[in-house]
């Protein structure tokens, strides 16, 4: 077998779903997010319509996709009902109490840091999934592996804190103060870690043990965090870029997971979810989630306007209750090290 054919054959075994899906997932999504950021920087007046599109077709849809893992079938609901019945009211009560006694800026500031951590952890989980498909490749391990992965995201959040923009999505933001010296150390550490990573991947390639798909994913991970947090000076535009990447990732990953879960056909115990999750029905899955999104969010907004005269503050608090609950839920239901998740994704033991 030729030297070229061998990596291609190995890569075929490394896809989570297949070359077409995975290349769209790894390369297509960040390309669209980065292009969106470039368009907004070129034409700032397009920020609002693009934000609205992101919220209604990706952001809200991405939250609804979470609930396909919680309550769209009997088995899932029986496993996760406390996350809905107990956790959601608790998160709502806690968020409202903090806003009432401290102020709206707390929700905005907590969201700013928590969404960064959430986006990073989701990317970490996806990288673990790709790593699990190429077990025989040469990788970094332990704390060194994690230090490399988190280097750019950590530098990004430190830079935004050092930058201290004062406003985030048009609302007051208070950041953790970061001195210039700390930021300088982080820059040096990041450059060193990335240089070591490139050298290690070069060595792996020379030994014929390069994780091709995982490396490709890692490059896009570094790129999107660097552009969103370091290259784009405006904190809100940078957030929108990485938010679109994160939301689209989640929607497609959940569909891919469900399609693998029900790959054998309609499940009598989950007829609705298994039907819309069949491999040839991605369009139906997306349309269903978007329709559910519209019904739920329009109902919530209508109720707020009818009974509470909802302004920006009320809407922000409501959305952050949903976001905070979603962040906690995701940390519980998406652990790649769990055997049921690994089995569904087809990861090696």
Protein backbone atom coordinates (compact mmCIF):
# COMPACT_ATOMS: atom_id res chain seq x y z
CA UNK A 1 0.00 0.00 0.00
CA UNK A 2 1.34 3.46 -0.89
CA UNK A 3 2.39 6.02 1.73
CA UNK A 4 -0.54 8.21 0.69
CA UNK A 5 -3.18 5.48 0.77
CA UNK A 6 -2.30 4.40 4.31
CA UNK A 7 -3.18 7.73 6.04
CA UNK A 8 -6.39 7.95 3.99
CA UNK A 9 -7.43 4.46 5.04
CA UNK A 10 -6.64 5.24 8.68
CA UNK A 11 -8.61 8.49 8.48
CA UNK A 12 -11.65 6.61 7.19
CA UNK A 13 -11.72 4.75 10.49
CA UNK A 14 -11.33 8.01 12.42
CA UNK A 15 -14.52 9.78 11.31
CA UNK A 16 -17.31 10.02 13.86
CA UNK A 17 -19.90 9.65 11.10
CA UNK A 18 -18.19 9.89 7.73
CA UNK A 19 -15.91 12.12 5.70
CA UNK A 20 -18.69 14.35 4.35
CA UNK A 21 -20.32 14.99 7.73
CA UNK A 22 -17.08 15.31 9.69
CA UNK A 23 -15.37 17.65 7.24
CA UNK A 24 -18.46 19.87 7.30
CA UNK A 25 -18.44 19.67 11.09
CA UNK A 26 -14.70 20.33 11.56
CA UNK A 27 -14.03 22.78 8.72
CA UNK A 28 -17.39 24.04 7.48
CA UNK A 29 -18.78 25.30 10.78
CA UNK A 30 -15.75 27.40 11.79
CA UNK A 31 -15.47 28.71 8.22
CA UNK A 32 -19.05 30.02 8.36
CA UNK A 33 -18.51 31.51 11.84
CA UNK A 34 -15.29 33.26 10.79
CA UNK A 35 -16.87 34.52 7.57
CA UNK A 36 -19.76 35.91 9.62
CA UNK A 37 -17.31 37.81 11.84
CA UNK A 38 -15.55 39.23 8.77
CA UNK A 39 -18.88 40.38 7.29
CA UNK A 40 -19.86 42.15 10.53
CA UNK A 41 -16.48 43.89 10.80
CA UNK A 42 -16.91 45.02 7.19
CA UNK A 43 -20.59 45.99 7.59
CA UNK A 44 -21.31 46.64 11.32
CA UNK A 45 -24.99 47.38 10.63
CA UNK A 46 -25.47 43.67 9.88
CA UNK A 47 -24.68 42.70 13.48
CA UNK A 48 -28.30 42.81 14.69
CA UNK A 49 -29.88 40.73 11.89
CA UNK A 50 -27.07 38.18 12.13
CA UNK A 51 -27.47 38.03 15.92
CA UNK A 52 -31.21 37.44 15.54
CA UNK A 53 -30.54 34.67 13.03
CA UNK A 54 -27.98 33.08 15.37
CA UNK A 55 -30.39 33.18 18.31
CA UNK A 56 -33.46 31.81 16.52
CA UNK A 57 -31.88 29.23 14.23
CA UNK A 58 -28.86 28.14 16.27
CA UNK A 59 -28.90 29.43 19.85
CA UNK A 60 -32.46 28.57 20.92
CA UNK A 61 -32.41 25.52 18.65
CA UNK A 62 -29.19 24.38 20.35
CA UNK A 63 -30.89 24.58 23.76
CA UNK A 64 -33.88 22.62 22.46
CA UNK A 65 -31.45 19.99 21.13
CA UNK A 66 -30.35 19.43 24.72
CA UNK A 67 -33.87 18.41 25.64
CA UNK A 68 -33.87 15.73 22.95
CA UNK A 69 -31.44 14.02 25.32
CA UNK A 70 -33.63 14.64 28.38
CA UNK A 71 -37.29 14.16 27.67
CA UNK A 72 -38.00 13.16 24.06
CA UNK A 73 -38.31 9.51 25.02
CA UNK A 74 -39.38 7.57 28.11
CA UNK A 75 -35.96 6.09 28.90
CA UNK A 76 -34.15 9.44 28.80
CA UNK A 77 -36.77 11.14 30.96
CA UNK A 78 -36.66 8.34 33.55
CA UNK A 79 -32.87 8.80 33.80
CA UNK A 80 -32.75 12.58 33.80
CA UNK A 81 -36.04 13.86 35.26
CA UNK A 82 -34.34 15.49 38.32
CA UNK A 83 -32.46 17.77 35.93
CA UNK A 84 -35.82 19.13 34.77
CA UNK A 85 -38.05 18.90 37.82
CA UNK A 86 -35.53 19.83 40.52
CA UNK A 87 -32.58 21.57 38.89
CA UNK A 88 -34.44 24.00 36.62
CA UNK A 89 -36.50 25.62 39.42
CA UNK A 90 -33.38 25.78 41.60
CA UNK A 91 -31.39 27.56 38.88
CA UNK A 92 -34.27 29.97 38.27
CA UNK A 93 -34.60 30.81 41.97
CA UNK A 94 -30.86 31.28 42.40
CA UNK A 95 -30.50 33.51 39.34
CA UNK A 96 -33.46 35.69 40.29
CA UNK A 97 -32.17 36.06 43.85
CA UNK A 98 -28.72 37.16 42.68
CA UNK A 99 -30.19 39.72 40.26
CA UNK A 100 -32.57 41.08 42.89
CA UNK A 101 -30.05 41.43 45.69
CA UNK A 102 -26.89 42.28 43.70
CA UNK A 103 -27.80 43.51 40.25
CA UNK A 104 -28.15 42.57 36.58
CA UNK A 105 -24.42 42.96 35.98
CA UNK A 106 -23.83 39.77 37.96
CA UNK A 107 -25.80 37.68 35.45
CA UNK A 108 -24.01 39.30 32.52
CA UNK A 109 -20.58 38.79 34.10
CA UNK A 110 -21.27 35.22 35.18
CA UNK A 111 -22.55 34.45 31.69
CA UNK A 112 -19.43 35.93 30.11
CA UNK A 113 -17.10 33.59 32.03
CA UNK A 114 -19.40 30.58 32.17
CA UNK A 115 -20.11 30.58 28.43
CA UNK A 116 -16.34 30.67 27.79
CA UNK A 117 -15.86 27.64 30.04
CA UNK A 118 -18.88 25.87 28.52
CA UNK A 119 -17.66 26.42 24.95
CA UNK A 120 -14.19 25.19 25.89
CA UNK A 121 -15.50 22.08 27.65
CA UNK A 122 -17.74 21.21 24.71
CA UNK A 123 -14.77 21.46 22.40
CA UNK A 124 -12.74 19.33 24.80
CA UNK A 125 -15.42 16.62 24.75
CA UNK A 126 -15.55 16.62 20.96
CA UNK A 127 -11.76 16.40 20.78
CA UNK A 128 -11.90 13.38 23.11
CA UNK A 129 -14.41 11.74 20.80
CA UNK A 130 -12.11 12.17 17.80
CA UNK A 131 -9.15 11.01 19.85
CA UNK A 132 -11.08 7.88 20.80
CA UNK A 133 -11.44 7.01 17.11
CA UNK A 134 -7.67 6.99 16.52
CA UNK A 135 -6.30 5.11 19.51
CA UNK A 136 -3.11 3.94 17.81
CA UNK A 137 -1.93 7.46 17.02
CA UNK A 138 0.75 9.27 19.01
CA UNK A 139 -0.72 11.78 21.49
CA UNK A 140 0.26 14.00 24.36
CA UNK A 141 -1.05 12.69 27.67
CA UNK A 142 -2.05 13.81 31.16
CA UNK A 143 -1.69 17.40 32.31
CA UNK A 144 0.48 18.24 29.30
CA UNK A 145 -2.32 17.24 26.95
CA UNK A 146 -4.80 19.43 28.81
CA UNK A 147 -2.37 22.35 29.06
CA UNK A 148 -1.97 22.39 25.28
CA UNK A 149 -5.71 22.17 24.66
CA UNK A 150 -6.62 24.94 27.11
CA UNK A 151 -3.68 27.24 26.26
CA UNK A 152 -5.41 29.41 23.64
CA UNK A 153 -8.83 29.54 25.39
CA UNK A 154 -7.19 30.54 28.70
CA UNK A 155 -5.07 33.18 27.00
CA UNK A 156 -8.23 34.47 25.31
CA UNK A 157 -10.23 34.91 28.51
CA UNK A 158 -7.23 36.47 30.26
CA UNK A 159 -6.88 38.95 27.41
CA UNK A 160 -10.57 39.92 27.56
CA UNK A 161 -10.27 40.39 31.32
CA UNK A 162 -7.14 42.51 30.85
CA UNK A 163 -8.95 44.46 28.12
CA UNK A 164 -11.86 45.19 30.53
CA UNK A 165 -14.28 46.50 27.88
CA UNK A 166 -16.96 47.53 30.40
CA UNK A 167 -19.83 46.43 28.15
CA UNK A 168 -20.77 43.03 26.77
CA UNK A 169 -23.68 42.71 24.31
CA UNK A 170 -24.57 46.27 25.30
CA UNK A 171 -24.80 45.55 29.05
CA UNK A 172 -22.55 46.28 32.01
CA UNK A 173 -19.74 43.77 32.39
CA UNK A 174 -17.37 43.50 35.35
CA UNK A 175 -14.31 41.34 34.83
CA UNK A 176 -11.72 39.73 37.05
CA UNK A 177 -8.71 42.13 36.95
CA UNK A 178 -5.72 40.68 35.09
CA UNK A 179 -2.36 42.54 35.27
CA UNK A 180 -0.24 42.95 32.14
CA UNK A 181 2.50 40.78 33.69
CA UNK A 182 0.11 37.83 34.06
CA UNK A 183 -1.04 38.25 30.49
CA UNK A 184 2.58 38.33 29.33
CA UNK A 185 3.37 35.07 31.10
CA UNK A 186 0.28 33.49 29.52
CA UNK A 187 1.40 34.60 26.04
CA UNK A 188 4.85 33.04 26.50
CA UNK A 189 3.39 29.81 27.93
CA UNK A 190 0.88 29.53 25.07
CA UNK A 191 3.53 30.02 22.39
CA UNK A 192 5.76 27.37 24.01
CA UNK A 193 2.94 24.86 24.38
CA UNK A 194 1.77 25.30 20.79
CA UNK A 195 5.32 24.99 19.50
CA UNK A 196 5.75 21.72 21.42
CA UNK A 197 2.40 20.48 20.10
CA UNK A 198 3.42 21.20 16.48
CA UNK A 199 6.76 19.43 17.02
CA UNK A 200 5.08 16.40 18.59
CA UNK A 201 2.62 16.14 15.71
CA UNK A 202 5.50 16.42 13.26
CA UNK A 203 7.23 13.55 15.05
CA UNK A 204 4.01 11.51 14.97
CA UNK A 205 3.74 12.07 11.21
CA UNK A 206 7.31 10.88 10.69
CA UNK A 207 6.51 7.69 12.63
CA UNK A 208 3.31 7.12 10.65
CA UNK A 209 1.23 7.67 13.82
CA UNK A 210 -0.31 11.07 13.20
CA UNK A 211 -3.96 11.42 14.25
CA UNK A 212 -5.10 13.13 11.06
CA UNK A 213 -8.71 13.94 11.94
CA UNK A 214 -7.97 14.84 15.56
CA UNK A 215 -5.15 17.16 14.45
CA UNK A 216 -7.46 18.86 11.99
CA UNK A 217 -10.02 19.40 14.75
CA UNK A 218 -7.38 20.79 17.13
CA UNK A 219 -6.22 23.31 14.53
CA UNK A 220 -9.76 24.65 14.13
CA UNK A 221 -10.16 24.72 17.92
CA UNK A 222 -7.05 26.89 18.29
CA UNK A 223 -8.08 29.10 15.37
CA UNK A 224 -11.63 29.86 16.48
CA UNK A 225 -10.63 30.75 20.05
CA UNK A 226 -7.71 32.88 18.85
CA UNK A 227 -9.86 34.86 16.42
CA UNK A 228 -12.84 35.26 18.78
CA UNK A 229 -10.85 36.30 21.86
CA UNK A 230 -7.56 37.72 20.57
CA UNK A 231 -7.85 38.93 16.98
CA UNK A 232 -11.29 40.59 17.04
CA UNK A 233 -11.02 43.59 19.35
CA UNK A 234 -14.77 44.04 19.88
CA UNK A 235 -15.80 41.62 22.65
CA UNK A 236 -19.38 41.27 21.42
CA UNK A 237 -18.46 40.51 17.80
CA UNK A 238 -15.87 38.01 19.01
CA UNK A 239 -18.51 36.37 21.18
CA UNK A 240 -20.95 36.11 18.27
CA UNK A 241 -18.34 34.33 16.13
CA UNK A 242 -17.57 31.66 18.71
CA UNK A 243 -21.22 31.44 19.75
CA UNK A 244 -22.24 30.52 16.20
CA UNK A 245 -19.47 27.91 16.05
CA UNK A 246 -20.48 26.44 19.39
CA UNK A 247 -24.23 26.39 18.65
CA UNK A 248 -23.87 24.78 15.22
CA UNK A 249 -21.44 22.21 16.65
CA UNK A 250 -23.89 21.23 19.34
CA UNK A 251 -26.91 20.92 17.05
CA UNK A 252 -25.08 18.66 14.59
CA UNK A 253 -23.31 16.62 17.27
CA UNK A 254 -26.60 15.87 19.06
CA UNK A 255 -28.23 14.84 15.78
CA UNK A 256 -25.24 12.65 14.94
CA UNK A 257 -25.43 11.05 18.39
CA UNK A 258 -29.17 10.39 18.06
CA UNK A 259 -28.78 9.02 14.53
CA UNK A 260 -26.15 6.56 15.78
CA UNK A 261 -28.29 5.67 18.77
CA UNK A 262 -31.22 4.77 16.51
CA UNK A 263 -29.23 3.46 13.53
CA UNK A 264 -31.10 0.14 13.65
CA UNK A 265 -34.45 1.81 12.89
CA UNK A 266 -37.50 3.00 14.80
CA UNK A 267 -37.35 2.30 18.55
CA UNK A 268 -40.82 1.39 19.95
CA UNK A 269 -39.89 3.14 23.21
CA UNK A 270 -38.83 6.34 21.45
CA UNK A 271 -40.87 6.43 18.27
CA UNK A 272 -40.86 10.19 17.73
CA UNK A 273 -37.18 10.85 18.45
CA UNK A 274 -35.98 7.73 16.63
CA UNK A 275 -38.12 8.62 13.59
CA UNK A 276 -36.75 12.16 13.16
CA UNK A 277 -33.21 10.95 13.96
CA UNK A 278 -32.91 8.47 11.11
CA UNK A 279 -29.80 9.15 8.99
CA UNK A 280 -31.75 10.36 5.96
CA UNK A 281 -33.95 12.74 8.01
CA UNK A 282 -31.50 15.41 9.18
CA UNK A 283 -33.74 18.02 7.55
CA UNK A 284 -36.74 16.76 9.53
CA UNK A 285 -34.82 16.76 12.80
CA UNK A 286 -33.69 20.36 12.22
CA UNK A 287 -37.15 21.56 11.16
CA UNK A 288 -38.76 19.85 14.17
CA UNK A 289 -36.35 21.48 16.62
CA UNK A 290 -36.79 24.88 14.98
CA UNK A 291 -40.58 24.59 15.17
CA UNK A 292 -40.42 23.57 18.83
CA UNK A 293 -38.02 26.46 19.42
CA UNK A 294 -40.47 28.91 17.87
CA UNK A 295 -43.43 27.66 19.88
CA UNK A 296 -41.60 27.65 23.22
CA UNK A 297 -39.71 30.94 22.90
CA UNK A 298 -42.59 32.87 21.34
CA UNK A 299 -44.83 31.60 24.13
CA UNK A 300 -42.30 32.70 26.77
CA UNK A 301 -41.82 36.12 25.19
CA UNK A 302 -45.56 36.59 24.77
CA UNK A 303 -46.21 35.68 28.40
CA UNK A 304 -43.56 38.11 29.61
CA UNK A 305 -44.94 40.94 27.53
CA UNK A 306 -48.53 40.21 28.61
CA UNK A 307 -47.96 39.88 32.36
CA UNK A 308 -44.61 41.44 33.21
CA UNK A 309 -44.12 44.14 30.56
CA UNK A 310 -40.84 42.51 29.65
CA UNK A 311 -37.96 44.81 28.93
CA UNK A 312 -34.37 44.01 28.14
CA UNK A 313 -33.50 43.18 31.75
CA UNK A 314 -36.31 40.65 32.17
CA UNK A 315 -35.53 39.00 28.85
CA UNK A 316 -31.82 38.77 29.66
CA UNK A 317 -32.54 37.15 33.04
CA UNK A 318 -34.93 34.66 31.48
CA UNK A 319 -32.47 33.65 28.78
CA UNK A 320 -29.66 33.27 31.27
CA UNK A 321 -31.77 31.01 33.48
CA UNK A 322 -32.20 28.76 30.46
CA UNK A 323 -28.50 29.03 29.58
CA UNK A 324 -27.26 28.30 33.10
CA UNK A 325 -29.54 25.29 33.38
CA UNK A 326 -28.36 24.10 29.97
CA UNK A 327 -24.69 24.44 31.02
CA UNK A 328 -25.20 22.30 34.10
CA UNK A 329 -27.25 19.71 32.23
CA UNK A 330 -24.61 19.38 29.52
CA UNK A 331 -21.93 18.78 32.12
CA UNK A 332 -23.98 15.84 33.39
CA UNK A 333 -25.20 14.13 30.22
CA UNK A 334 -22.23 14.51 27.85
CA UNK A 335 -19.29 12.69 29.38
CA UNK A 336 -17.36 10.83 26.69
CA UNK A 337 -15.76 8.56 29.30
CA UNK A 338 -19.19 7.04 30.12
CA UNK A 339 -19.64 3.65 28.49
CA UNK A 340 -23.12 4.30 26.95
CA UNK A 341 -21.80 7.47 25.27
CA UNK A 342 -18.67 5.71 24.03
CA UNK A 343 -20.67 2.78 22.73
CA UNK A 344 -23.09 4.99 20.81
CA UNK A 345 -20.26 7.03 19.28
CA UNK A 346 -18.39 3.87 18.34
CA UNK A 347 -15.27 4.79 20.32
CA UNK A 348 -12.63 2.21 21.08
CA UNK A 349 -12.35 0.94 24.64
